[in-house]
C-alpha atoms as a PDB file:
ATOM      1  CA  MET A   1     -27.710 266.063 -74.325  1.00  0.00           C
ATOM      2  CA  PRO A   2     -28.239 266.176 -78.082  1.00  0.00           C
ATOM      3  CA  SER A   3     -31.785 266.121 -79.317  1.00  0.00           C
ATOM      4  CA  SER A   4     -32.659 262.842 -80.925  1.00  0.00           C
ATOM      5  CA  ILE A   5     -34.633 264.616 -83.481  1.00  0.00           C
ATOM      6  CA  ALA A   6     -34.454 268.204 -85.097  1.00  0.00           C
ATOM      7  CA  GLU A   7     -36.312 270.062 -87.746  1.00  0.00           C
ATOM      8  CA  CYS A   8     -35.374 273.000 -89.740  1.00  0.00           C
ATOM      9  CA  ARG A   9     -37.479 274.319 -92.622  1.00  0.00           C
ATOM     10  CA  THR A  10     -36.398 276.288 -95.820  1.00  0.00           C
ATOM     11  CA  VAL A  11     -38.690 277.554 -98.616  1.00  0.00           C
ATOM     12  CA  LEU A  12     -37.818 276.517-102.139  1.00  0.00           C
ATOM     13  CA  GLY A  13     -38.069 278.898-105.425  1.00  0.00           C
ATOM     14  CA  ASP A  14     -41.446 277.682-106.080  1.00  0.00           C
ATOM     15  CA  GLY A  15     -42.722 278.752-102.940  1.00  0.00           C
ATOM     16  CA  ARG A  16     -42.923 275.107-100.953  1.00  0.00           C
ATOM     17  CA  VAL A  17     -42.009 275.027 -97.683  1.00  0.00           C
ATOM     18  CA  LEU A  18     -39.837 272.065 -97.192  1.00  0.00           C
ATOM     19  CA  ALA A  19     -38.979 270.453 -93.911  1.00  0.00           C
ATOM     20  CA  VAL A  20     -35.826 268.951 -93.541  1.00  0.00           C
ATOM     21  CA  THR A  21     -35.478 266.457 -90.184  1.00  0.00           C
ATOM     22  CA  ALA A  22     -32.651 264.946 -88.694  1.00  0.00           C
ATOM     23  CA  THR A  23     -32.435 262.065 -86.260  1.00  0.00           C
ATOM     24  CA  VAL A  24     -29.635 260.636 -83.896  1.00  0.00           C
ATOM     25  CA  ARG A  25     -28.928 256.926 -83.330  1.00  0.00           C
ATOM     26  CA  PRO A  26     -26.055 254.932 -82.082  1.00  0.00           C
ATOM     27  CA  ARG A  27     -23.733 254.565 -85.325  1.00  0.00           C
ATOM     28  CA  ALA A  28     -23.297 250.846 -84.532  1.00  0.00           C
ATOM     29  CA  GLY A  29     -20.810 250.387 -87.441  1.00  0.00           C
ATOM     30  CA  ARG A  30     -23.156 252.166 -89.943  1.00  0.00           C
ATOM     31  CA  ALA A  31     -22.371 255.384 -91.990  1.00  0.00           C
ATOM     32  CA  GLU A  32     -21.953 258.812 -89.847  1.00  0.00           C
ATOM     33  CA  VAL A  33     -24.665 260.168 -92.264  1.00  0.00           C
ATOM     34  CA  LYS A  34     -27.530 258.947 -94.056  1.00  0.00           C
ATOM     35  CA  CYS A  35     -30.356 260.539 -96.058  1.00  0.00           C
ATOM     36  CA  VAL A  36     -33.623 259.206 -96.909  1.00  0.00           C
ATOM     37  CA  VAL A  37     -35.489 260.728 -99.691  1.00  0.00           C
ATOM     38  CA  PRO A  38     -37.326 258.202-101.651  1.00  0.00           C
ATOM     39  CA  GLY A  39     -36.872 258.261-105.214  1.00  0.00           C
ATOM     40  CA  ALA A  40     -34.142 261.100-105.292  1.00  0.00           C
ATOM     41  CA  PRO A  41     -30.795 259.321-104.892  1.00  0.00           C
ATOM     42  CA  VAL A  42     -28.856 261.951-106.312  1.00  0.00           C
ATOM     43  CA  LEU A  43     -30.338 264.272-103.694  1.00  0.00           C
ATOM     44  CA  CYS A  44     -29.498 261.926-100.957  1.00  0.00           C
ATOM     45  CA  GLU A  45     -25.895 261.636-102.281  1.00  0.00           C
ATOM     46  CA  ARG A  46     -25.684 265.602-102.138  1.00  0.00           C
ATOM     47  CA  VAL A  47     -27.034 266.199 -98.772  1.00  0.00           C
ATOM     48  CA  GLN A  48     -24.563 263.633 -97.463  1.00  0.00           C
ATOM     49  CA  GLU A  49     -22.118 265.522 -98.721  1.00  0.00           C
ATOM     50  CA  VAL A  50     -23.069 268.884 -97.910  1.00  0.00           C
ATOM     51  CA  VAL A  51     -23.433 267.681 -94.193  1.00  0.00           C
ATOM     52  CA  ARG A  52     -20.219 265.968 -93.946  1.00  0.00           C
ATOM     53  CA  LEU A  53     -18.188 268.545 -95.399  1.00  0.00           C
ATOM     54  CA  ALA A  54     -20.025 271.133 -93.170  1.00  0.00           C
ATOM     55  CA  ARG A  55     -18.785 269.366 -90.261  1.00  0.00           C
ATOM     56  CA  LEU A  56     -15.324 269.896 -90.865  1.00  0.00           C
ATOM     57  CA  THR A  57     -15.426 273.129 -89.221  1.00  0.00           C
ATOM     58  CA  GLU A  58     -17.120 272.181 -85.939  1.00  0.00           C
ATOM     59  CA  ALA A  59     -14.947 272.789 -82.735  1.00  0.00           C
ATOM     60  CA  ARG A  60     -15.772 269.401 -81.634  1.00  0.00           C
ATOM     61  CA  PHE A  61     -17.136 266.090 -83.262  1.00  0.00           C
ATOM     62  CA  ASP A  62     -18.631 262.728 -81.890  1.00  0.00           C
ATOM     63  CA  SER A  63     -18.290 260.134 -84.451  1.00  0.00           C
ATOM     64  CA  ARG A  64     -20.373 257.651 -82.315  1.00  0.00           C
ATOM     65  CA  VAL A  65     -23.424 258.435 -83.656  1.00  0.00           C
ATOM     66  CA  GLN A  66     -25.460 258.207 -87.054  1.00  0.00           C
ATOM     67  CA  VAL A  67     -27.538 260.863 -88.392  1.00  0.00           C
ATOM     68  CA  VAL A  68     -30.287 260.024 -90.617  1.00  0.00           C
ATOM     69  CA  LEU A  69     -31.685 263.225 -92.814  1.00  0.00           C
ATOM     70  CA  GLY A  70     -34.927 263.309 -94.272  1.00  0.00           C
ATOM     71  CA  PHE A  71     -37.378 265.851 -96.617  1.00  0.00           C
ATOM     72  CA  ASP A  72     -40.707 265.789 -96.687  1.00  0.00           C
ATOM     73  CA  GLY A  73     -40.779 266.677-100.464  1.00  0.00           C
ATOM     74  CA  VAL A  74     -38.169 266.488-103.132  1.00  0.00           C
ATOM     75  CA  PRO A  75     -36.553 270.025-104.565  1.00  0.00           C
ATOM     76  CA  ALA A  76     -36.589 270.751-108.306  1.00  0.00           C
ATOM     77  CA  ASP A  77     -33.405 269.861-110.056  1.00  0.00           C
ATOM     78  CA  GLY A  78     -30.601 272.750-109.199  1.00  0.00           C
ATOM     79  CA  GLU A  79     -32.546 273.887-106.319  1.00  0.00           C
ATOM     80  CA  ARG A  80     -29.954 274.560-103.465  1.00  0.00           C
ATOM     81  CA  ASN A  81     -31.937 276.744-100.665  1.00  0.00           C
ATOM     82  CA  TRP A  82     -32.387 273.354 -98.786  1.00  0.00           C
ATOM     83  CA  GLU A  83     -28.275 273.140 -98.075  1.00  0.00           C
ATOM     84  CA  LEU A  84     -28.378 275.154 -94.994  1.00  0.00           C
ATOM     85  CA  ALA A  85     -31.304 273.981 -93.605  1.00  0.00           C
ATOM     86  CA  ALA A  86     -29.815 270.422 -93.844  1.00  0.00           C
ATOM     87  CA  VAL A  87     -26.857 271.707 -92.035  1.00  0.00           C
ATOM     88  CA  LEU A  88     -28.495 273.154 -89.260  1.00  0.00           C
ATOM     89  CA  ALA A  89     -31.011 270.306 -88.732  1.00  0.00           C
ATOM     90  CA  ASP A  90     -27.801 268.049 -88.545  1.00  0.00           C
ATOM     91  CA  ARG A  91     -26.072 270.466 -86.084  1.00  0.00           C
ATOM     92  CA  MET A  92     -29.627 270.955 -83.817  1.00  0.00           C
ATOM     93  CA  ALA A  93     -29.861 266.904 -83.606  1.00  0.00           C
ATOM     94  CA  ARG A  94     -26.345 266.525 -82.343  1.00  0.00           C
ATOM     95  CA  GLY A  95     -26.538 269.411 -80.075  1.00  0.00           C
ATOM     96  CA  ALA A  96     -23.493 270.898 -81.630  1.00  0.00           C
ATOM     97  CA  TRP A  97     -26.017 274.393 -82.036  1.00  0.00           C
ATOM     98  CA  GLN A  98     -29.173 275.548 -80.692  1.00  0.00           C
ATOM     99  CA  PRO A  99     -31.311 278.406 -81.654  1.00  0.00           C
ATOM    100  CA  PRO A 100     -31.890 281.247 -79.237  1.00  0.00           C
ATOM    101  CA  ALA A 101     -34.478 280.576 -76.560  1.00  0.00           C
ATOM    102  CA  GLY A 102     -38.202 281.435 -78.092  1.00  0.00           C
ATOM    103  CA  MET A 103     -37.097 280.879 -81.751  1.00  0.00           C
ATOM    104  CA  GLU A 104     -36.734 277.067 -81.740  1.00  0.00           C
ATOM    105  CA  ASP A 105     -38.990 277.184 -85.330  1.00  0.00           C
ATOM    106  CA  VAL A 106     -36.161 277.873 -87.420  1.00  0.00           C
ATOM    107  CA  CYS A 107     -36.103 278.711 -91.156  1.00  0.00           C
ATOM    108  CA  ALA A 108     -32.949 278.559 -93.076  1.00  0.00           C
ATOM    109  CA  LEU A 109     -32.010 279.566 -96.833  1.00  0.00           C
ATOM    110  CA  GLY A 110     -28.661 279.332 -98.320  1.00  0.00           C
ATOM    111  CA  TRP A 111     -26.107 277.258 -99.673  1.00  0.00           C
ATOM    112  CA  SER A 112     -22.290 277.268-100.470  1.00  0.00           C
ATOM    113  CA  ASP A 113     -19.783 275.862-102.728  1.00  0.00           C
ATOM    114  CA  ALA A 114     -17.343 275.699 -99.764  1.00  0.00           C
ATOM    115  CA  TRP A 115     -18.967 274.161 -97.042  1.00  0.00           C
ATOM    116  CA  GLN A 116     -15.690 272.595 -95.811  1.00  0.00           C
ATOM    117  CA  LEU A 117     -14.648 275.845 -95.134  1.00  0.00           C
ATOM    118  CA  GLY A 118     -18.092 277.082 -93.432  1.00  0.00           C
ATOM    119  CA  ARG A 119     -18.713 279.810 -95.954  1.00  0.00           C
ATOM    120  CA  LEU A 120     -21.987 280.779 -97.189  1.00  0.00           C
ATOM    121  CA  ALA A 121     -22.471 281.855-100.842  1.00  0.00           C
ATOM    122  CA  GLY A 122     -25.958 283.294-100.578  1.00  0.00           C
ATOM    123  CA  HIS A 123     -29.693 282.199-100.847  1.00  0.00           C
ATOM    124  CA  ASP A 124     -32.598 282.801-103.033  1.00  0.00           C
ATOM    125  CA  PRO A 125     -34.133 286.287-101.957  1.00  0.00           C
ATOM    126  CA  ALA A 126     -37.730 285.732-103.926  1.00  0.00           C
ATOM    127  CA  ALA A 127     -38.021 282.758-101.619  1.00  0.00           C
ATOM    128  CA  THR A 128     -37.472 284.316 -98.237  1.00  0.00           C
ATOM    129  CA  PRO A 129     -40.565 284.140 -95.904  1.00  0.00           C
ATOM    130  CA  GLU A 130     -42.234 286.318 -93.238  1.00  0.00           C
ATOM    131  CA  GLU A 131     -40.955 284.119 -90.279  1.00  0.00           C
ATOM    132  CA  ALA A 132     -40.125 284.768 -86.583  1.00  0.00           C
ATOM    133  CA  PHE A 133     -36.539 283.227 -86.911  1.00  0.00           C
ATOM    134  CA  VAL A 134     -34.933 283.086 -90.606  1.00  0.00           C
ATOM    135  CA  LEU A 135     -31.347 282.572 -91.128  1.00  0.00           C
ATOM    136  CA  LEU A 136     -29.888 283.704 -94.574  1.00  0.00           C
ATOM    137  CA  GLY A 137     -26.854 282.389 -96.208  1.00  0.00           C
ATOM    138  CA  GLY A 138     -24.765 284.952 -97.361  1.00  0.00           C
ATOM    139  CA  ALA A 139     -23.429 288.469 -96.292  1.00  0.00           C
ATOM    140  CA  GLY A 140     -25.890 291.138 -96.461  1.00  0.00           C
ATOM    141  CA  ALA A 141     -27.567 293.645 -94.590  1.00  0.00           C
ATOM    142  CA  ALA A 142     -30.508 291.153 -92.948  1.00  0.00           C
ATOM    143  CA  LEU A 143     -30.582 291.128 -89.417  1.00  0.00           C
ATOM    144  CA  ASN A 144     -29.806 287.208 -89.654  1.00  0.00           C
ATOM    145  CA  ALA A 145     -27.582 286.963 -92.578  1.00  0.00           C
ATOM    146  CA  LEU A 146     -24.578 284.402 -92.028  1.00  0.00           C
ATOM    147  CA  PRO A 147     -21.479 285.084 -94.344  1.00  0.00           C
ATOM    148  CA  HIS A 148     -19.987 282.036 -92.555  1.00  0.00           C
ATOM    149  CA  LEU A 149     -20.926 279.217 -90.068  1.00  0.00           C
ATOM    150  CA  GLY A 150     -19.170 280.668 -87.463  1.00  0.00           C
ATOM    151  CA  ALA A 151     -21.431 283.723 -87.219  1.00  0.00           C
ATOM    152  CA  LEU A 152     -23.936 281.158 -85.466  1.00  0.00           C
ATOM    153  CA  THR A 153     -22.295 281.558 -82.031  1.00  0.00           C
ATOM    154  CA  GLY A 154     -20.217 284.964 -82.679  1.00  0.00           C
ATOM    155  CA  HIS A 155     -17.128 283.188 -83.493  1.00  0.00           C
ATOM    156  CA  ALA A 156     -14.694 283.921 -86.100  1.00  0.00           C
ATOM    157  CA  ASP A 157     -14.651 282.666 -89.787  1.00  0.00           C
ATOM    158  CA  PRO A 158     -14.084 278.814 -89.255  1.00  0.00           C
ATOM    159  CA  GLY A 159     -12.379 278.467 -92.575  1.00  0.00           C
ATOM    160  CA  ALA A 160      -9.605 280.554 -91.594  1.00  0.00           C
ATOM    161  CA  ALA A 161      -8.660 277.410 -89.481  1.00  0.00           C
ATOM    162  CA  VAL A 162      -8.999 274.890 -92.225  1.00  0.00           C
ATOM    163  CA  SER A 163      -5.827 274.096 -94.436  1.00  0.00           C
ATOM    164  CA  SER A 164      -6.375 273.093 -98.019  1.00  0.00           C
ATOM    165  CA  VAL A 165      -4.055 271.822-100.292  1.00  0.00           C
ATOM    166  CA  ARG A 166      -4.422 270.033-103.661  1.00  0.00           C
ATOM    167  CA  ALA A 167      -1.980 267.596-105.338  1.00  0.00           C
ATOM    168  CA  TRP A 168      -2.516 266.360-109.026  1.00  0.00           C
ATOM    169  CA  PHE A 169      -1.936 262.809-110.500  1.00  0.00           C
ATOM    170  CA  PRO A 170      -2.228 261.553-113.843  1.00  0.00           C
ATOM    171  CA  LEU A 171      -5.539 260.212-114.685  1.00  0.00           C
ATOM    172  CA  HIS A 172      -4.800 257.650-117.748  1.00  0.00           C
ATOM    173  CA  SER A 173      -7.256 255.554-119.215  1.00  0.00           C
ATOM    174  CA  GLY A 174      -6.047 255.425-122.709  1.00  0.00           C
ATOM    175  CA  GLY A 175      -8.162 257.777-124.421  1.00  0.00           C
ATOM    176  CA  VAL A 176      -8.996 261.687-124.752  1.00  0.00           C
ATOM    177  CA  ASN A 177     -10.068 261.751-121.244  1.00  0.00           C
ATOM    178  CA  ASP A 178      -6.427 261.599-120.014  1.00  0.00           C
ATOM    179  CA  ALA A 179      -5.476 264.498-117.689  1.00  0.00           C
ATOM    180  CA  LEU A 180      -3.819 265.711-114.688  1.00  0.00           C
ATOM    181  CA  ALA A 181      -6.552 265.095-111.965  1.00  0.00           C
ATOM    182  CA  TRP A 182      -6.478 266.937-108.438  1.00  0.00           C
ATOM    183  CA  VAL A 183      -7.210 265.561-104.920  1.00  0.00           C
ATOM    184  CA  GLU A 184      -7.685 268.102-102.403  1.00  0.00           C
ATOM    185  CA  VAL A 185      -7.249 267.365 -98.671  1.00  0.00           C
ATOM    186  CA  SER A 186      -8.648 269.794 -95.989  1.00  0.00           C
ATOM    187  CA  VAL A 187      -7.618 269.674 -92.352  1.00  0.00           C
ATOM    188  CA  PHE A 188      -9.119 271.147 -89.317  1.00  0.00           C
ATOM    189  CA  PRO A 189      -7.545 271.063 -85.781  1.00  0.00           C
ATOM    190  CA  SER A 190      -9.075 268.164 -84.077  1.00  0.00           C
ATOM    191  CA  ASP A 191      -9.543 268.002 -80.013  1.00  0.00           C
ATOM    192  CA  GLY A 192      -8.984 264.371 -80.394  1.00  0.00           C
ATOM    193  CA  GLN A 193     -11.934 263.079 -79.139  1.00  0.00           C
ATOM    194  CA  ALA A 194     -13.336 261.770 -82.235  1.00  0.00           C
ATOM    195  CA  GLY A 195     -12.264 258.352 -81.757  1.00  0.00           C
ATOM    196  CA  GLU A 196     -10.340 256.151 -84.784  1.00  0.00           C
ATOM    197  CA  GLU A 197      -8.347 258.189 -86.804  1.00  0.00           C
ATOM    198  CA  GLU A 198     -10.482 256.722 -89.959  1.00  0.00           C
ATOM    199  CA  ASP A 199     -13.428 257.765 -88.581  1.00  0.00           C
ATOM    200  CA  THR A 200     -12.219 261.472 -88.845  1.00  0.00           C
ATOM    201  CA  ILE A 201     -11.655 261.512 -92.654  1.00  0.00           C
ATOM    202  CA  ALA A 202     -14.704 262.307 -94.864  1.00  0.00           C
ATOM    203  CA  VAL A 203     -14.349 261.534 -98.481  1.00  0.00           C
ATOM    204  CA  PRO A 204     -17.745 262.362-100.228  1.00  0.00           C
ATOM    205  CA  GLY A 205     -18.565 261.710-103.587  1.00  0.00           C
ATOM    206  CA  VAL A 206     -16.739 258.411-104.175  1.00  0.00           C
ATOM    207  CA  ASP A 207     -17.739 255.182-104.073  1.00  0.00           C
ATOM    208  CA  ALA A 208     -17.238 252.718-100.357  1.00  0.00           C
ATOM    209  CA  ALA A 209     -14.129 251.111-101.952  1.00  0.00           C
ATOM    210  CA  VAL A 210     -12.348 254.329-102.567  1.00  0.00           C
ATOM    211  CA  GLN A 211     -13.480 255.890 -99.255  1.00  0.00           C
ATOM    212  CA  LEU A 212     -12.201 253.084 -97.195  1.00  0.00           C
ATOM    213  CA  ALA A 213      -8.889 253.007 -99.268  1.00  0.00           C
ATOM    214  CA  VAL A 214      -8.272 256.936 -98.896  1.00  0.00           C
ATOM    215  CA  ARG A 215      -8.762 256.555 -95.116  1.00  0.00           C
ATOM    216  CA  GLN A 216      -6.346 253.579 -94.629  1.00  0.00           C
ATOM    217  CA  ALA A 217      -3.874 255.626 -96.686  1.00  0.00           C
ATOM    218  CA  LEU A 218      -3.751 258.689 -94.716  1.00  0.00           C
ATOM    219  CA  ALA A 219      -4.338 257.018 -91.449  1.00  0.00           C
ATOM    220  CA  GLY A 220      -1.376 255.007 -92.298  1.00  0.00           C
ATOM    221  CA  ALA A 221       0.904 257.887 -93.376  1.00  0.00           C
ATOM    222  CA  ARG A 222      -0.007 259.891 -90.481  1.00  0.00           C
ATOM    223  CA  HIS A 223       0.973 257.082 -88.357  1.00  0.00           C
ATOM    224  CA  PHE A 224       4.654 257.154 -89.905  1.00  0.00           C
ATOM    225  CA  ASP A 225       4.737 260.924 -89.084  1.00  0.00           C
ATOM    226  CA  GLY A 226       5.031 259.308 -85.009  1.00  0.00           C
ATOM    227  CA  ARG A 227       2.299 262.402 -83.868  1.00  0.00           C
ATOM    228  CA  GLY A 228       0.156 262.605 -86.720  1.00  0.00           C
ATOM    229  CA  LEU A 229      -2.629 260.755 -85.351  1.00  0.00           C
ATOM    230  CA  GLY A 230      -5.780 262.286 -83.223  1.00  0.00           C
ATOM    231  CA  ARG A 231      -4.877 265.693 -84.188  1.00  0.00           C
ATOM    232  CA  TRP A 232      -7.107 266.400 -87.322  1.00  0.00           C
ATOM    233  CA  ARG A 233     -10.666 266.145 -88.948  1.00  0.00           C
ATOM    234  CA  SER A 234     -10.286 266.063 -92.546  1.00  0.00           C
ATOM    235  CA  VAL A 235     -12.353 266.072 -96.000  1.00  0.00           C
ATOM    236  CA  VAL A 236     -10.896 264.524 -99.019  1.00  0.00           C
ATOM    237  CA  ARG A 237     -12.212 265.835-102.484  1.00  0.00           C
ATOM    238  CA  PHE A 238     -11.309 264.884-106.024  1.00  0.00           C
ATOM    239  CA  GLY A 239     -11.938 266.817-109.237  1.00  0.00           C
ATOM    240  CA  GLN A 240     -12.956 263.651-110.855  1.00  0.00           C
ATOM    241  CA  PRO A 241     -14.541 260.993-108.223  1.00  0.00           C
ATOM    242  CA  ARG A 242     -15.118 258.557-110.934  1.00  0.00           C
ATOM    243  CA  PHE A 243     -11.892 256.557-111.778  1.00  0.00           C
ATOM    244  CA  ALA A 244     -10.160 253.105-111.206  1.00  0.00           C
ATOM    245  CA  GLY A 245      -6.829 252.337-109.470  1.00  0.00           C
ATOM    246  CA  ASP A 246      -4.810 253.262-106.597  1.00  0.00           C
ATOM    247  CA  SER A 247      -2.008 255.496-108.403  1.00  0.00           C
ATOM    248  CA  TYR A 248      -3.236 258.559-106.922  1.00  0.00           C
ATOM    249  CA  GLN A 249      -2.323 257.618-103.214  1.00  0.00           C
ATOM    250  CA  LEU A 250       1.244 259.280-103.461  1.00  0.00           C
ATOM    251  CA  ALA A 251      -0.433 262.535-104.468  1.00  0.00           C
ATOM    252  CA  LEU A 252      -3.257 262.140-101.927  1.00  0.00           C
ATOM    253  CA  VAL A 253      -0.666 261.402 -99.033  1.00  0.00           C
ATOM    254  CA  MET A 254       1.665 264.597-100.036  1.00  0.00           C
ATOM    255  CA  ALA A 255      -1.204 266.605-100.227  1.00  0.00           C
ATOM    256  CA  ASP A 256      -2.390 265.656 -96.740  1.00  0.00           C
ATOM    257  CA  ARG A 257       1.417 266.247 -95.591  1.00  0.00           C
ATOM    258  CA  LEU A 258       1.281 269.724 -97.112  1.00  0.00           C
ATOM    259  CA  ALA A 259      -1.648 270.521 -95.536  1.00  0.00           C
ATOM    260  CA  ARG A 260      -0.416 269.539 -92.343  1.00  0.00           C
ATOM    261  CA  GLY A 261       2.785 271.367 -92.465  1.00  0.00           C
ATOM    262  CA  ARG A 262       5.006 268.480 -93.198  1.00  0.00           C
ATOM    263  CA  GLU A 263       6.365 269.198 -96.349  1.00  0.00           C
ATOM    264  CA  PHE A 264       8.002 272.292 -98.284  1.00  0.00           C
ATOM    265  CA  VAL A 265       5.490 273.922-100.391  1.00  0.00           C
ATOM    266  CA  PRO A 266       6.656 273.994-103.995  1.00  0.00           C
ATOM    267  CA  ARG A 267       6.831 277.224-106.358  1.00  0.00           C
ATOM    268  CA  GLY A 268       4.083 275.296-108.575  1.00  0.00           C
ATOM    269  CA  ARG A 269       1.983 272.306-108.555  1.00  0.00           C
ATOM    270  CA  LEU A 270       2.849 268.998-106.957  1.00  0.00           C
ATOM    271  CA  ILE A 271       2.530 266.250-109.324  1.00  0.00           C
ATOM    272  CA  ALA A 272       2.823 262.566-108.330  1.00  0.00           C
ATOM    273  CA  SER A 273       2.068 258.758-108.915  1.00  0.00           C
ATOM    274  CA  GLY A 274       2.324 256.127-106.520  1.00  0.00           C
ATOM    275  CA  THR A 275       0.694 253.666-104.241  1.00  0.00           C
ATOM    276  CA  SER A 276       1.972 251.984-101.248  1.00  0.00           C
ATOM    277  CA  GLY A 277       1.567 248.462 -99.608  1.00  0.00           C
ATOM    278  CA  ALA A 278       2.564 249.926 -96.208  1.00  0.00           C
ATOM    279  CA  TRP A 279       2.130 253.621 -95.642  1.00  0.00           C
ATOM    280  CA  HIS A 280       2.593 253.115 -92.013  1.00  0.00           C
ATOM    281  CA  ALA A 281       6.147 252.627 -92.793  1.00  0.00           C
ATOM    282  CA  GLY A 282       6.340 255.524 -95.363  1.00  0.00           C
ATOM    283  CA  ARG A 283       7.069 253.231 -98.206  1.00  0.00           C
ATOM    284  CA  VAL A 284       6.285 254.149-101.972  1.00  0.00           C
ATOM    285  CA  ASP A 285       5.617 251.524-104.397  1.00  0.00           C
ATOM    286  CA  THR A 286       5.534 251.381-107.956  1.00  0.00           C
ATOM    287  CA  VAL A 287       2.454 251.407-110.438  1.00  0.00           C
ATOM    288  CA  ALA A 288       1.383 250.466-113.414  1.00  0.00           C
ATOM    289  CA  GLY A 289       0.994 252.478-116.859  1.00  0.00           C
ATOM    290  CA  ARG A 290       4.724 254.287-116.609  1.00  0.00           C
ATOM    291  CA  GLU A 291       5.345 254.960-120.403  1.00  0.00           C
ATOM    292  CA  ALA A 292       1.442 256.659-120.729  1.00  0.00           C
ATOM    293  CA  LYS A 293       1.804 258.616-117.344  1.00  0.00           C
ATOM    294  CA  THR A 294       5.174 260.327-117.746  1.00  0.00           C
ATOM    295  CA  ALA A 295       4.063 261.060-121.400  1.00  0.00           C
ATOM    296  CA  LEU A 296       1.144 262.887-119.787  1.00  0.00           C
ATOM    297  CA  ILE A 297       3.249 264.719-117.107  1.00  0.00           C
ATOM    298  CA  LEU A 298       5.400 265.803-119.525  1.00  0.00           C
ATOM    299  CA  ALA A 299       2.942 267.313-121.908  1.00  0.00           C
ATOM    300  CA  GLU A 300       1.094 269.255-118.835  1.00  0.00           C
ATOM    301  CA  ALA A 301       4.349 270.199-116.713  1.00  0.00           C
ATOM    302  CA  VAL A 302       4.735 273.787-116.366  1.00  0.00           C
ATOM    303  CA  SER A 303       7.360 275.892-114.617  1.00  0.00           C
ATOM    304  CA  GLY A 304       7.524 275.479-110.828  1.00  0.00           C
ATOM    305  CA  ASP A 305       5.834 272.103-110.774  1.00  0.00           C
ATOM    306  CA  ARG A 306       7.283 269.165-108.581  1.00  0.00           C
ATOM    307  CA  VAL A 307       6.967 265.839-109.952  1.00  0.00           C
ATOM    308  CA  LEU A 308       7.305 262.786-107.699  1.00  0.00           C
ATOM    309  CA  LEU A 309       7.459 259.243-109.078  1.00  0.00           C
ATOM    310  CA  PRO A 310       8.277 255.424-107.561  1.00  0.00           C
ATOM    311  CA  ALA A 311      11.959 254.935-107.131  1.00  0.00           C
ATOM    312  CA  ALA A 312      11.383 251.770-109.270  1.00  0.00           C
ATOM    313  CA  TRP A 313      10.821 253.861-112.137  1.00  0.00           C
ATOM    314  CA  ALA A 314      13.966 255.737-111.650  1.00  0.00           C
ATOM    315  CA  ASP A 315      16.166 253.680-114.383  1.00  0.00           C
ATOM    316  CA  ALA A 316      13.164 253.025-116.861  1.00  0.00           C
ATOM    317  CA  LEU A 317      12.126 256.628-117.459  1.00  0.00           C
ATOM    318  CA  PRO A 318      11.522 257.329-121.295  1.00  0.00           C
ATOM    319  CA  ALA A 319      14.551 258.777-123.058  1.00  0.00           C
ATOM    320  CA  GLY A 320      14.268 262.849-122.637  1.00  0.00           C
ATOM    321  CA  PHE A 321      11.714 262.780-119.672  1.00  0.00           C
ATOM    322  CA  ARG A 322      14.277 264.265-117.363  1.00  0.00           C
ATOM    323  CA  ASP A 323      15.655 267.099-119.598  1.00  0.00           C
ATOM    324  CA  GLY A 324      12.242 267.611-121.011  1.00  0.00           C
ATOM    325  CA  LEU A 325      10.872 268.326-117.278  1.00  0.00           C
ATOM    326  CA  ARG A 326      14.031 270.615-116.672  1.00  0.00           C
ATOM    327  CA  ALA A 327      13.486 272.513-119.820  1.00  0.00           C
ATOM    328  CA  ARG A 328       9.779 273.227-118.820  1.00  0.00           C
ATOM    329  CA  GLY A 329      10.977 274.555-115.482  1.00  0.00           C
ATOM    330  CA  ALA A 330       9.912 271.535-113.486  1.00  0.00           C
ATOM    331  CA  SER A 331      11.608 269.428-110.966  1.00  0.00           C
ATOM    332  CA  LEU A 332      11.835 265.484-110.934  1.00  0.00           C
ATOM    333  CA  ALA A 333      12.250 263.124-107.765  1.00  0.00           C
ATOM    334  CA  CYS A 334      12.019 259.395-107.796  1.00  0.00           C
ATOM    335  CA  VAL A 335      11.072 258.235-104.154  1.00  0.00           C
ATOM    336  CA  ASP A 336      10.904 255.395-102.092  1.00  0.00           C
ATOM    337  CA  ARG A 337       9.483 256.537 -99.045  1.00  0.00           C
ATOM    338  CA  ILE A 338       8.130 259.635 -97.813  1.00  0.00           C
ATOM    339  CA  GLY A 339       9.473 262.114 -95.170  1.00  0.00           C
ATOM    340  CA  LEU A 340      12.913 262.105 -97.228  1.00  0.00           C
ATOM    341  CA  ILE A 341      11.642 263.935-100.003  1.00  0.00           C
END
């Protein structure tokens, strides 16, 4: 059975020892991860993001519990040695990993720029303490160096089982910040025991409304696949997490389908704009901003790109848009549903 409370320590760059605690309680409709560090809301958001991303590579995951993480201090801005300690405290509290017998007093130092792959980038060597059992992020000659989270249990790199795909969508706000933004979907095979499909999809770094919309869109699109439900645990990340509207959804769904092997991979990028009121039926609906978005796509497209737009735009595309894409070596399809592309 999982422990109700677990603690993992870390050492910060200024020499302070920081204790990270994780407490398990019934989820009862709450978020699966919560962090409480008074006066540090940005840190709390980052802790939740790290833990959610790292969970993707676990062999089994029970979404029926909530884990509340807490720090007994506040790291300095930019400090990252605590990341591995937070991941391990979360796993120990849920029983997903336990330290060797006699070495329960765990100290961990390390961080990652790809927690969704379970790969550790390194740690601050100047902060390494003289402890009985210290886990260090990153490859090296140290006895307990961890190049990836699979090494905790002697397993292969869990990132090898994660499929990550990005798709792009035109982000138009009428200003100099207009750009092609990316959405990335990473999927890991599931044992089918995680409960509702939406509970298996993590969307760190965005507000609650976007999280809900993303989860509902993916769950609906996977329902359209027939056998797409209950097979994956997923993380969705946005290159620009602050935006309005839902025109990203076609790019999101296509990235998910590519990650799950449901679509042919384009030679270049997949660029899409579209939404749906019925993803469970595979339907693609129109979105606003046709003129601005097509102009942005035409300016940014390069050879090999595949552009997908709503079928409702087919007869109203700007003059020269199709020929312009063709001249750049990009392809175009206006679609009314997924699965027929």
